[in-house]
Amino acid sequence: MAEQSLATRAVRGAVWTGGGLAVQMAVSMVFFMVLPLAVMGQFDFALRVVTLISLVSALGMNEALVQFQEAEESHFSTAFWMCLGAGLLSCLFILGAVPFLSQLSDDPQGFQTVLLPLLVYIPFAAVSGIFRAQLARALRFRAVAFADLLAVLVAAFVSALCLLLGYGIWGVIWNAIAREICLMLALWWASRWCPKLMFSWAALRQLLRFGLNVTGANGINYLANNLDKLIVFPVLGDRAQGLYSFAYRFTMMPLSRAAQVLTKVSFPTFSKVQNDDAALRRAYLRTVSMTALGAWPVLAGASVFAPEFLLWVKGETMMDGLMPLRLLIFAGMFKAVGTVVGSIFLAKGKAHWSFRWSLVSLFIFLFSLLYGVQYGLAGVAGVISMIAFFALFVTQMLVNRLIGLPFIDYFRVLVRPAVIACMVAGVLWGVKPMISFAPLLALSVGGVVGGCVYMLGVRLLAWPLVMRFWNDFRGKS
């Protein structure tokens, strides 16, 4: 059998990973329906702190091992032991910071109950990237995606068992822990590689030259993407954090996860053709257009039926989140098409570009948020929308310079997805007064109508693009 093309492997990996994301979103929905908003706010803040520390502990070794084509066994083993040590030291750091962090919550004791068990998450998350790099270098995207999906399914089972047994918040805590442990074990098994008892300072220096830039960029990016949640919790309280977390999870969170998936899938693919700007332009524009075609119509429809969605989840208590939800949907449209930018920077060896831009944008974001939070959750979400537009413009300008892409070519591939999104939103606004049913029924009918309009728009305006995607998935040229 002929070797699968880069596009085929990338597309299949993305589709498999999308299944895991869908399961995870469904599990999150159940948690928000069952648990109080204040409790979910505590968990959300604790998980973001732990995830940030895990990201820093990984030291950018995943990306460094993928980018460094001459990486050998000594590089992989050295990276593993370095990340494991960094993860364990980070746990000690968080333990010392627990008394301070707990004072940010309306319920310090309850917050400690959530945060302390999550420390188990850190060392597993720190080393899983080493096994992921083994698979990414071989372009085994399906194996990576299967590991992600398996981890999500196991975590869903564990959390469902906890909820059925009446353990409440422990369901969501164990969901996070079980997912990370299972993910690391699945990647380990799929890679068929075990670290050796060896450590090379020379290999470490080679990896850190790239890895520290990536770590800085990833850390700053994470802060920039989560600074709003880190500010809402101490300023507006646990319940506001829970409400904002819900709005974010079902708008920006899927896009953030999609960005991670696209980076993991497209970075190795782009790296293979990093010296061919024409091939990079074609692959980049195709990925951007397909991302917009998949995201924009869905986000447009979600904006129309946002009130029914909130009422279905938790009734009138959720309606304070309507304006933040709609503003985040708007921000998501910009975020969606900017998800692949990081892969171009990495593939071209420009991790420092990403880091410098992330540092600048973080300061802009910080001062904007400190102003916006005075106006509550809607003010925070409004800042997110403006920053998303600004970030897309600047980063796309850098990508255009890097691969010789004219802005007109970039805008051209977005016209058809934009027209289809407008078709979906327009029809749904028109029919909504005629389907004033119970929230779940209204959502179901709206979903069917929106889906039909979307399929019609795709058939009329974007069929060649969809068929190209389908052929890549099937492995046909």
Protein backbone atom coordinates (compact mmCIF):
# COMPACT_ATOMS: atom_id res chain seq x y z
CA MET A 1 0.00 0.00 0.00
CA ALA A 2 1.33 3.42 -0.89
CA GLU A 3 2.30 5.66 1.97
CA GLN A 4 -0.51 7.98 2.99
CA SER A 5 -0.10 11.63 2.08
CA LEU A 6 0.61 14.27 4.70
CA ALA A 7 -2.85 15.73 4.13
CA THR A 8 -4.54 12.37 4.65
CA ARG A 9 -2.74 11.72 7.91
CA ALA A 10 -3.41 15.24 9.15
CA VAL A 11 -7.11 15.19 8.28
CA ARG A 12 -7.69 11.77 9.81
CA GLY A 13 -5.89 12.78 12.97
CA ALA A 14 -7.99 15.93 13.27
CA VAL A 15 -11.25 14.02 12.74
CA TRP A 16 -10.38 11.39 15.34
CA THR A 17 -9.43 14.06 17.86
CA GLY A 18 -12.69 15.88 17.18
CA GLY A 19 -14.54 12.85 18.51
CA GLY A 20 -12.75 13.16 21.84
CA LEU A 21 -13.56 16.85 22.01
CA ALA A 22 -17.26 16.15 21.43
CA VAL A 23 -17.34 13.63 24.29
CA GLN A 24 -15.53 16.04 26.58
CA MET A 25 -18.00 18.82 25.80
CA ALA A 26 -20.92 16.52 26.60
CA VAL A 27 -19.34 15.58 29.94
CA SER A 28 -18.80 19.27 30.77
CA MET A 29 -22.46 19.94 30.02
CA VAL A 30 -23.52 17.32 32.56
CA PHE A 31 -21.23 18.82 35.21
CA PHE A 32 -22.75 22.28 34.76
CA MET A 33 -26.27 20.86 34.94
CA VAL A 34 -25.60 18.89 38.14
CA LEU A 35 -23.11 20.96 40.16
CA PRO A 36 -23.54 24.52 41.55
CA LEU A 37 -22.01 27.34 39.51
CA ALA A 38 -19.82 28.41 42.45
CA VAL A 39 -18.30 24.92 42.73
CA MET A 40 -17.65 24.79 39.00
CA GLY A 41 -16.01 28.21 39.29
CA GLN A 42 -13.61 26.91 41.95
CA PHE A 43 -12.72 23.89 39.84
CA ASP A 44 -12.23 25.99 36.72
CA PHE A 45 -9.79 28.35 38.43
CA ALA A 46 -7.85 25.51 40.08
CA LEU A 47 -7.54 23.58 36.82
CA ARG A 48 -6.26 26.64 34.98
CA VAL A 49 -3.53 27.15 37.58
CA VAL A 50 -2.49 23.49 37.42
CA THR A 51 -2.55 23.45 33.62
CA LEU A 52 -0.31 26.53 33.45
CA ILE A 53 2.25 24.93 35.76
CA SER A 54 2.11 21.70 33.71
CA LEU A 55 2.71 23.61 30.51
CA VAL A 56 5.78 25.33 31.93
CA SER A 57 7.05 22.01 33.33
CA ALA A 58 6.93 20.47 29.84
CA LEU A 59 9.69 22.93 28.80
CA GLY A 60 8.58 22.91 25.15
CA MET A 61 10.21 19.50 24.70
CA ASN A 62 7.38 18.12 22.56
CA GLU A 63 7.80 20.85 19.96
CA ALA A 64 11.60 20.83 20.22
CA LEU A 65 11.80 17.08 19.57
CA VAL A 66 9.51 17.40 16.55
CA GLN A 67 11.34 20.39 15.10
CA PHE A 68 14.89 19.05 15.71
CA GLN A 69 15.20 16.57 12.84
CA GLU A 70 18.47 15.06 14.18
CA ALA A 71 16.96 14.06 17.55
CA GLU A 72 18.26 10.70 18.82
CA GLU A 73 17.61 8.41 21.78
CA SER A 74 19.72 10.58 24.06
CA HIS A 75 17.54 13.60 23.28
CA PHE A 76 14.29 11.78 24.04
CA SER A 77 15.49 10.18 27.29
CA THR A 78 17.07 13.41 28.50
CA ALA A 79 13.87 15.31 27.74
CA PHE A 80 11.77 12.75 29.64
CA TRP A 81 13.79 12.90 32.86
CA MET A 82 14.07 16.67 32.70
CA CYS A 83 10.30 17.12 32.32
CA LEU A 84 9.55 14.61 35.07
CA GLY A 85 11.85 16.44 37.48
CA ALA A 86 10.36 19.79 36.53
CA GLY A 87 6.84 18.43 37.09
CA LEU A 88 7.63 17.10 40.56
CA LEU A 89 9.32 20.36 41.59
CA SER A 90 6.28 22.27 40.34
CA CYS A 91 4.03 20.23 42.63
CA LEU A 92 6.10 21.39 45.60
CA PHE A 93 5.83 24.98 44.40
CA ILE A 94 2.03 24.82 44.22
CA LEU A 95 1.85 23.20 47.67
CA GLY A 96 3.64 26.21 49.09
CA ALA A 97 1.29 28.60 47.27
CA VAL A 98 -1.97 26.91 48.37
CA PRO A 99 -2.61 29.22 51.38
CA PHE A 100 -2.33 32.30 49.16
CA LEU A 101 -4.38 30.90 46.28
CA SER A 102 -7.20 29.75 48.56
CA GLN A 103 -7.72 33.30 49.84
CA LEU A 104 -8.80 34.34 46.34
CA SER A 105 -11.95 32.22 46.69
CA ASP A 106 -15.23 33.01 48.46
CA ASP A 107 -14.81 29.59 50.15
CA PRO A 108 -11.08 29.04 50.89
CA GLN A 109 -11.53 25.60 52.47
CA GLY A 110 -13.66 24.37 49.59
CA PHE A 111 -11.12 25.66 47.09
CA GLN A 112 -8.29 23.77 48.80
CA THR A 113 -10.36 20.60 48.58
CA VAL A 114 -10.48 21.08 44.81
CA LEU A 115 -6.90 22.24 44.19
CA LEU A 116 -4.81 19.77 46.21
CA PRO A 117 -5.91 16.54 44.43
CA LEU A 118 -5.30 18.18 41.05
CA LEU A 119 -1.56 18.35 41.77
CA VAL A 120 -1.39 14.69 40.68
CA TYR A 121 -2.15 15.98 37.18
CA ILE A 122 1.13 17.91 36.80
CA PRO A 123 3.90 15.26 36.39
CA PHE A 124 1.80 13.16 33.99
CA ALA A 125 1.03 16.20 31.84
CA ALA A 126 4.69 17.27 31.90
CA VAL A 127 6.02 14.02 30.36
CA SER A 128 3.19 13.03 28.00
CA GLY A 129 4.53 15.38 25.33
CA ILE A 130 7.68 13.25 24.96
CA PHE A 131 5.64 10.24 23.85
CA ARG A 132 3.48 12.49 21.70
CA ALA A 133 6.61 13.74 19.93
CA GLN A 134 7.59 10.17 19.02
CA LEU A 135 4.24 9.71 17.29
CA ALA A 136 4.20 13.17 15.71
CA ARG A 137 7.62 12.65 14.11
CA ALA A 138 6.25 9.51 12.46
CA LEU A 139 3.10 11.44 11.43
CA ARG A 140 1.01 8.92 13.37
CA PHE A 141 -1.80 11.40 13.98
CA ARG A 142 -4.41 8.68 14.25
CA ALA A 143 -2.55 7.06 17.16
CA VAL A 144 -2.34 10.41 18.95
CA ALA A 145 -6.02 11.09 18.33
CA PHE A 146 -6.98 7.60 19.51
CA ALA A 147 -5.03 8.16 22.74
CA ASP A 148 -6.87 11.47 23.26
CA LEU A 149 -10.24 9.81 22.61
CA LEU A 150 -9.49 6.86 24.89
CA ALA A 151 -8.43 9.21 27.69
CA VAL A 152 -11.64 11.22 27.36
CA LEU A 153 -13.81 8.08 27.40
CA VAL A 154 -12.07 6.63 30.46
CA ALA A 155 -12.32 9.98 32.26
CA ALA A 156 -16.02 10.22 31.37
CA PHE A 157 -16.64 6.76 32.83
CA VAL A 158 -14.76 7.61 36.04
CA SER A 159 -16.61 10.91 36.51
CA ALA A 160 -20.00 9.33 35.76
CA LEU A 161 -19.31 6.68 38.40
CA CYS A 162 -18.42 9.37 40.95
CA LEU A 163 -21.62 11.31 40.19
CA LEU A 164 -23.78 8.18 40.42
CA LEU A 165 -22.24 7.35 43.79
CA GLY A 166 -23.00 10.85 45.05
CA TYR A 167 -19.44 12.18 45.28
CA GLY A 168 -20.36 15.51 43.65
CA ILE A 169 -17.32 17.68 42.99
CA TRP A 170 -15.03 14.63 43.08
CA GLY A 171 -16.56 13.61 39.77
CA VAL A 172 -15.13 16.62 37.96
CA ILE A 173 -11.80 16.39 39.86
CA TRP A 174 -11.27 12.75 38.96
CA ASN A 175 -12.33 13.45 35.40
CA ALA A 176 -9.32 15.75 34.97
CA ILE A 177 -6.88 13.43 36.78
CA ALA A 178 -8.02 10.24 35.04
CA ARG A 179 -7.91 11.89 31.63
CA GLU A 180 -4.29 12.99 32.02
CA ILE A 181 -3.06 9.69 33.47
CA CYS A 182 -4.82 7.65 30.80
CA LEU A 183 -3.54 9.95 28.05
CA MET A 184 0.06 9.55 29.12
CA LEU A 185 -0.25 5.75 29.37
CA ALA A 186 -1.99 5.49 25.98
CA LEU A 187 0.67 7.63 24.27
CA TRP A 188 3.38 5.55 25.95
CA TRP A 189 1.83 2.32 24.70
CA ALA A 190 1.27 3.65 21.17
CA SER A 191 4.81 5.00 20.82
CA ARG A 192 6.40 1.67 21.82
CA TRP A 193 9.21 3.66 23.43
CA CYS A 194 10.56 3.67 26.98
CA PRO A 195 13.00 6.23 28.37
CA LYS A 196 16.46 4.94 29.16
CA LEU A 197 18.45 5.76 32.29
CA MET A 198 20.60 8.33 30.55
CA PHE A 199 20.97 12.10 30.64
CA SER A 200 22.98 14.27 28.25
CA TRP A 201 23.66 17.91 28.99
CA ALA A 202 24.67 18.44 25.36
CA ALA A 203 21.34 17.04 24.13
CA LEU A 204 19.48 19.15 26.68
CA ARG A 205 21.18 22.33 25.48
CA GLN A 206 20.27 21.54 21.88
CA LEU A 207 16.60 21.06 22.79
CA LEU A 208 16.32 23.99 25.18
CA ARG A 209 17.45 26.49 22.55
CA PHE A 210 14.15 25.89 20.78
CA GLY A 211 12.14 24.53 23.71
CA LEU A 212 12.54 27.53 26.00
CA ASN A 213 11.28 29.86 23.29
CA VAL A 214 8.29 27.56 22.83
CA THR A 215 7.77 27.38 26.59
CA GLY A 216 7.82 31.15 26.83
CA ALA A 217 5.42 31.51 23.93
CA ASN A 218 3.13 28.76 25.24
CA GLY A 219 3.16 30.18 28.75
CA ILE A 220 2.44 33.71 27.60
CA ASN A 221 -0.19 32.42 25.16
CA TYR A 222 -1.82 30.45 27.95
CA LEU A 223 -1.89 33.49 30.20
CA ALA A 224 -3.26 35.61 27.37
CA ASN A 225 -5.96 33.04 26.65
CA ASN A 226 -6.85 32.58 30.32
CA LEU A 227 -6.13 35.95 31.87
CA ASP A 228 -9.83 36.75 31.86
CA LYS A 229 -10.62 33.67 33.98
CA LEU A 230 -7.70 34.40 36.30
CA ILE A 231 -9.08 37.92 36.88
CA VAL A 232 -12.80 37.10 37.08
CA PHE A 233 -12.30 34.63 39.95
CA PRO A 234 -10.72 36.99 42.53
CA VAL A 235 -12.62 40.11 41.39
CA LEU A 236 -16.17 38.92 40.64
CA GLY A 237 -16.29 35.73 42.75
CA ASP A 238 -16.77 31.97 42.48
CA ARG A 239 -20.26 32.03 40.95
CA ALA A 240 -19.30 34.60 38.31
CA GLN A 241 -16.31 32.41 37.47
CA GLY A 242 -18.63 29.43 37.03
CA LEU A 243 -21.00 31.38 34.80
CA TYR A 244 -18.19 32.82 32.70
CA SER A 245 -16.51 29.42 32.54
CA PHE A 246 -19.69 27.96 31.07
CA ALA A 247 -19.92 30.67 28.40
CA TYR A 248 -16.25 30.23 27.59
CA ARG A 249 -16.30 26.42 27.54
CA PHE A 250 -19.01 26.29 24.92
CA THR A 251 -17.63 29.03 22.68
CA MET A 252 -13.90 29.70 23.01
CA MET A 253 -12.87 26.43 24.66
CA PRO A 254 -13.72 24.25 21.64
CA LEU A 255 -11.75 26.67 19.50
CA SER A 256 -8.79 26.59 21.90
CA ARG A 257 -8.86 22.79 21.82
CA ALA A 258 -9.17 22.90 18.05
CA ALA A 259 -6.11 25.17 17.98
CA GLN A 260 -4.16 22.62 20.01
CA VAL A 261 -5.30 19.82 17.71
CA LEU A 262 -4.51 21.79 14.56
CA THR A 263 -1.08 22.74 15.91
CA LYS A 264 -0.24 19.15 16.86
CA VAL A 265 -1.45 17.92 13.47
CA SER A 266 -0.34 20.73 11.16
CA PHE A 267 3.03 21.55 12.76
CA PRO A 268 4.67 18.21 11.83
CA THR A 269 2.99 18.36 8.42
CA PHE A 270 4.13 21.93 7.74
CA SER A 271 7.61 21.11 9.06
CA LYS A 272 8.03 18.52 6.30
CA VAL A 273 7.63 21.26 3.67
CA GLN A 274 9.07 24.14 5.71
CA ASN A 275 11.37 25.23 2.86
CA ASP A 276 8.64 25.23 0.19
CA ASP A 277 6.68 28.45 0.66
CA ALA A 278 4.29 27.68 -2.20
CA ALA A 279 3.31 24.36 -0.62
CA LEU A 280 2.98 26.05 2.76
CA ARG A 281 0.68 28.72 1.33
CA ARG A 282 -1.58 26.13 -0.28
CA ALA A 283 -1.77 24.00 2.86
CA TYR A 284 -2.30 27.01 5.11
CA LEU A 285 -5.09 28.55 3.03
CA ARG A 286 -6.84 25.21 2.68
CA THR A 287 -6.72 24.68 6.44
CA VAL A 288 -7.96 28.21 7.19
CA SER A 289 -10.85 27.97 4.73
CA MET A 290 -11.94 24.57 6.01
CA THR A 291 -11.74 25.80 9.61
CA ALA A 292 -13.91 28.82 8.82
CA LEU A 293 -16.37 26.67 6.90
CA GLY A 294 -16.75 24.37 9.88
CA ALA A 295 -16.82 26.99 12.64
CA TRP A 296 -18.48 30.17 11.38
CA PRO A 297 -21.93 28.80 10.46
CA VAL A 298 -22.12 26.88 13.76
CA LEU A 299 -21.17 29.96 15.77
CA ALA A 300 -23.67 32.09 13.83
CA GLY A 301 -26.47 29.65 14.60
CA ALA A 302 -25.41 29.38 18.24
CA SER A 303 -25.69 33.15 18.64
CA VAL A 304 -29.31 33.08 17.47
CA PHE A 305 -30.34 30.35 19.92
CA ALA A 306 -28.11 31.36 22.85
CA PRO A 307 -31.09 32.17 25.18
CA GLU A 308 -32.68 28.75 24.65
CA PHE A 309 -29.35 27.06 25.28
CA LEU A 310 -28.89 28.78 28.64
CA LEU A 311 -32.48 28.09 29.72
CA TRP A 312 -32.12 24.41 28.89
CA VAL A 313 -28.94 24.00 30.94
CA LYS A 314 -29.98 25.60 34.23
CA GLY A 315 -33.03 27.80 33.77
CA GLU A 316 -33.27 31.51 34.51
CA THR A 317 -30.19 31.41 36.79
CA MET A 318 -28.06 31.22 33.63
CA MET A 319 -29.52 34.23 31.83
CA ASP A 320 -26.93 36.60 33.33
CA GLY A 321 -24.54 34.89 30.95
CA LEU A 322 -26.44 35.72 27.74
CA MET A 323 -24.51 38.83 26.73
CA PRO A 324 -21.09 37.34 27.63
CA LEU A 325 -22.03 34.21 25.66
CA ARG A 326 -22.92 36.14 22.52
CA LEU A 327 -19.83 38.35 22.74
CA LEU A 328 -17.62 35.28 23.10
CA ILE A 329 -19.30 33.70 20.08
CA PHE A 330 -18.36 36.81 18.11
CA ALA A 331 -14.77 36.58 19.38
CA GLY A 332 -14.74 32.91 18.44
CA MET A 333 -15.21 33.74 14.78
CA PHE A 334 -11.88 35.58 14.77
CA LYS A 335 -10.23 33.01 16.98
CA ALA A 336 -11.25 30.13 14.72
CA VAL A 337 -9.37 31.33 11.65
CA GLY A 338 -6.28 32.25 13.66
CA THR A 339 -5.70 28.79 15.06
CA VAL A 340 -3.12 27.66 12.51
CA VAL A 341 -0.84 30.71 12.73
CA GLY A 342 1.30 29.17 15.47
CA SER A 343 2.05 26.12 13.32
CA ILE A 344 3.52 28.31 10.58
CA PHE A 345 5.76 30.11 13.07
CA LEU A 346 6.99 26.81 14.50
CA ALA A 347 7.46 25.09 11.14
CA LYS A 348 9.59 28.00 9.88
CA GLY A 349 11.67 27.97 13.08
CA LYS A 350 10.29 31.33 14.23
CA ALA A 351 9.19 30.36 17.73
CA HIS A 352 10.69 33.64 18.97
CA TRP A 353 8.23 35.57 16.80
CA SER A 354 5.37 33.83 18.53
CA PHE A 355 6.93 34.49 21.92
CA ARG A 356 7.50 38.20 21.32
CA TRP A 357 4.02 38.77 19.96
CA SER A 358 2.52 36.82 22.87
CA LEU A 359 4.42 39.01 25.33
CA VAL A 360 3.19 42.23 23.71
CA SER A 361 -0.40 41.00 23.46
CA LEU A 362 -0.38 39.89 27.10
CA PHE A 363 0.28 43.43 28.33
CA ILE A 364 -2.39 44.85 26.02
CA PHE A 365 -4.82 42.20 27.22
CA LEU A 366 -4.02 42.78 30.90
CA PHE A 367 -4.70 46.50 30.89
CA SER A 368 -7.80 46.07 28.73
CA LEU A 369 -9.21 43.46 31.11
CA LEU A 370 -8.55 45.55 34.19
CA TYR A 371 -10.75 48.19 32.58
CA GLY A 372 -13.38 45.80 31.23
CA VAL A 373 -13.89 43.83 34.46
CA GLN A 374 -15.38 46.97 36.05
CA TYR A 375 -18.42 46.35 33.83
CA GLY A 376 -18.88 42.75 34.91
CA LEU A 377 -18.84 39.65 32.73
CA ALA A 378 -20.14 41.52 29.67
CA GLY A 379 -17.23 43.96 29.93
CA VAL A 380 -14.74 41.10 30.09
CA ALA A 381 -16.31 39.35 27.09
CA GLY A 382 -16.31 42.62 25.13
CA VAL A 383 -12.58 42.98 25.70
CA ILE A 384 -12.07 39.39 24.49
CA SER A 385 -13.86 40.22 21.23
CA MET A 386 -11.76 43.30 20.52
CA ILE A 387 -8.49 41.57 21.38
CA ALA A 388 -9.39 38.57 19.18
CA PHE A 389 -9.84 40.84 16.16
CA PHE A 390 -6.62 42.75 16.84
CA ALA A 391 -4.61 39.55 17.39
CA LEU A 392 -5.87 37.99 14.16
CA PHE A 393 -4.87 41.04 12.13
CA VAL A 394 -1.35 41.29 13.56
CA THR A 395 -0.47 37.58 13.49
CA GLN A 396 -1.85 37.14 9.99
CA MET A 397 0.28 40.05 8.83
CA LEU A 398 3.35 38.25 10.22
CA VAL A 399 2.39 34.98 8.53
CA ASN A 400 1.89 36.78 5.22
CA ARG A 401 5.39 38.19 5.50
CA LEU A 402 6.86 34.81 6.44
CA ILE A 403 5.44 32.73 3.58
CA GLY A 404 4.82 35.45 0.96
CA LEU A 405 1.03 35.38 1.20
CA PRO A 406 -0.93 38.42 -0.08
CA PHE A 407 -3.80 39.56 2.14
CA ILE A 408 -6.18 39.44 -0.83
CA ASP A 409 -5.59 35.69 -1.21
CA TYR A 410 -6.27 35.21 2.50
CA PHE A 411 -9.54 37.16 2.38
CA ARG A 412 -10.63 35.39 -0.79
CA VAL A 413 -10.74 31.96 0.88
CA LEU A 414 -12.94 33.36 3.68
CA VAL A 415 -15.67 34.82 1.47
CA ARG A 416 -17.66 31.62 0.97
CA PRO A 417 -17.61 30.54 4.64
CA ALA A 418 -18.79 34.06 5.57
CA VAL A 419 -21.68 33.94 3.09
CA ILE A 420 -22.78 30.51 4.36
CA ALA A 421 -22.64 31.75 7.98
CA CYS A 422 -24.84 34.72 7.06
CA MET A 423 -27.30 32.38 5.34
CA VAL A 424 -27.58 30.22 8.46
CA ALA A 425 -28.00 33.19 10.83
CA GLY A 426 -30.49 34.95 8.58
CA VAL A 427 -32.78 31.95 8.15
CA LEU A 428 -32.68 31.09 11.86
CA TRP A 429 -33.54 34.67 12.88
CA GLY A 430 -36.46 34.50 10.47
CA VAL A 431 -37.90 31.18 11.66
CA LYS A 432 -37.17 31.59 15.39
CA PRO A 433 -40.49 33.38 16.21
CA MET A 434 -42.33 30.39 14.70
CA ILE A 435 -40.66 27.80 16.97
CA SER A 436 -41.28 29.23 20.44
CA PHE A 437 -41.29 25.80 22.09
CA ALA A 438 -39.64 24.46 25.24
CA PRO A 439 -35.88 25.20 25.15
CA LEU A 440 -34.73 21.69 24.21
CA LEU A 441 -37.34 21.32 21.47
CA ALA A 442 -36.56 24.79 20.10
CA LEU A 443 -32.86 23.93 20.03
CA SER A 444 -33.58 20.66 18.23
CA VAL A 445 -35.77 22.27 15.57
CA GLY A 446 -33.32 25.14 15.14
CA GLY A 447 -30.47 22.67 14.77
CA VAL A 448 -32.30 20.79 12.01
CA VAL A 449 -33.21 23.98 10.14
CA GLY A 450 -29.72 25.42 10.52
CA GLY A 451 -28.15 22.14 9.42
CA CYS A 452 -30.27 22.04 6.27
CA VAL A 453 -29.37 25.62 5.37
CA TYR A 454 -25.70 24.88 6.05
CA MET A 455 -25.70 21.81 3.80
CA LEU A 456 -27.44 23.75 1.04
CA GLY A 457 -24.89 26.56 1.31
CA VAL A 458 -21.99 24.13 1.23
CA ARG A 459 -23.41 22.33 -1.80
CA LEU A 460 -23.87 25.58 -3.69
CA LEU A 461 -20.75 27.49 -2.65
CA ALA A 462 -18.07 25.24 -1.17
CA TRP A 463 -18.50 21.76 -2.59
CA PRO A 464 -15.00 21.45 -4.15
CA LEU A 465 -13.38 22.36 -0.82
CA VAL A 466 -15.44 19.78 1.06
CA MET A 467 -14.69 17.11 -1.52
CA ARG A 468 -10.97 17.88 -1.22
CA PHE A 469 -11.26 17.39 2.53
CA TRP A 470 -13.18 14.14 2.01
CA ASN A 471 -10.61 12.82 -0.46
CA ASP A 472 -7.80 13.65 1.96
CA PHE A 473 -9.67 11.75 4.66
CA ARG A 474 -10.08 8.71 2.40
CA GLY A 475 -6.47 8.88 1.26
CA LYS A 476 -7.23 9.79 -2.35
CA SER A 477 -5.42 12.50 -4.26
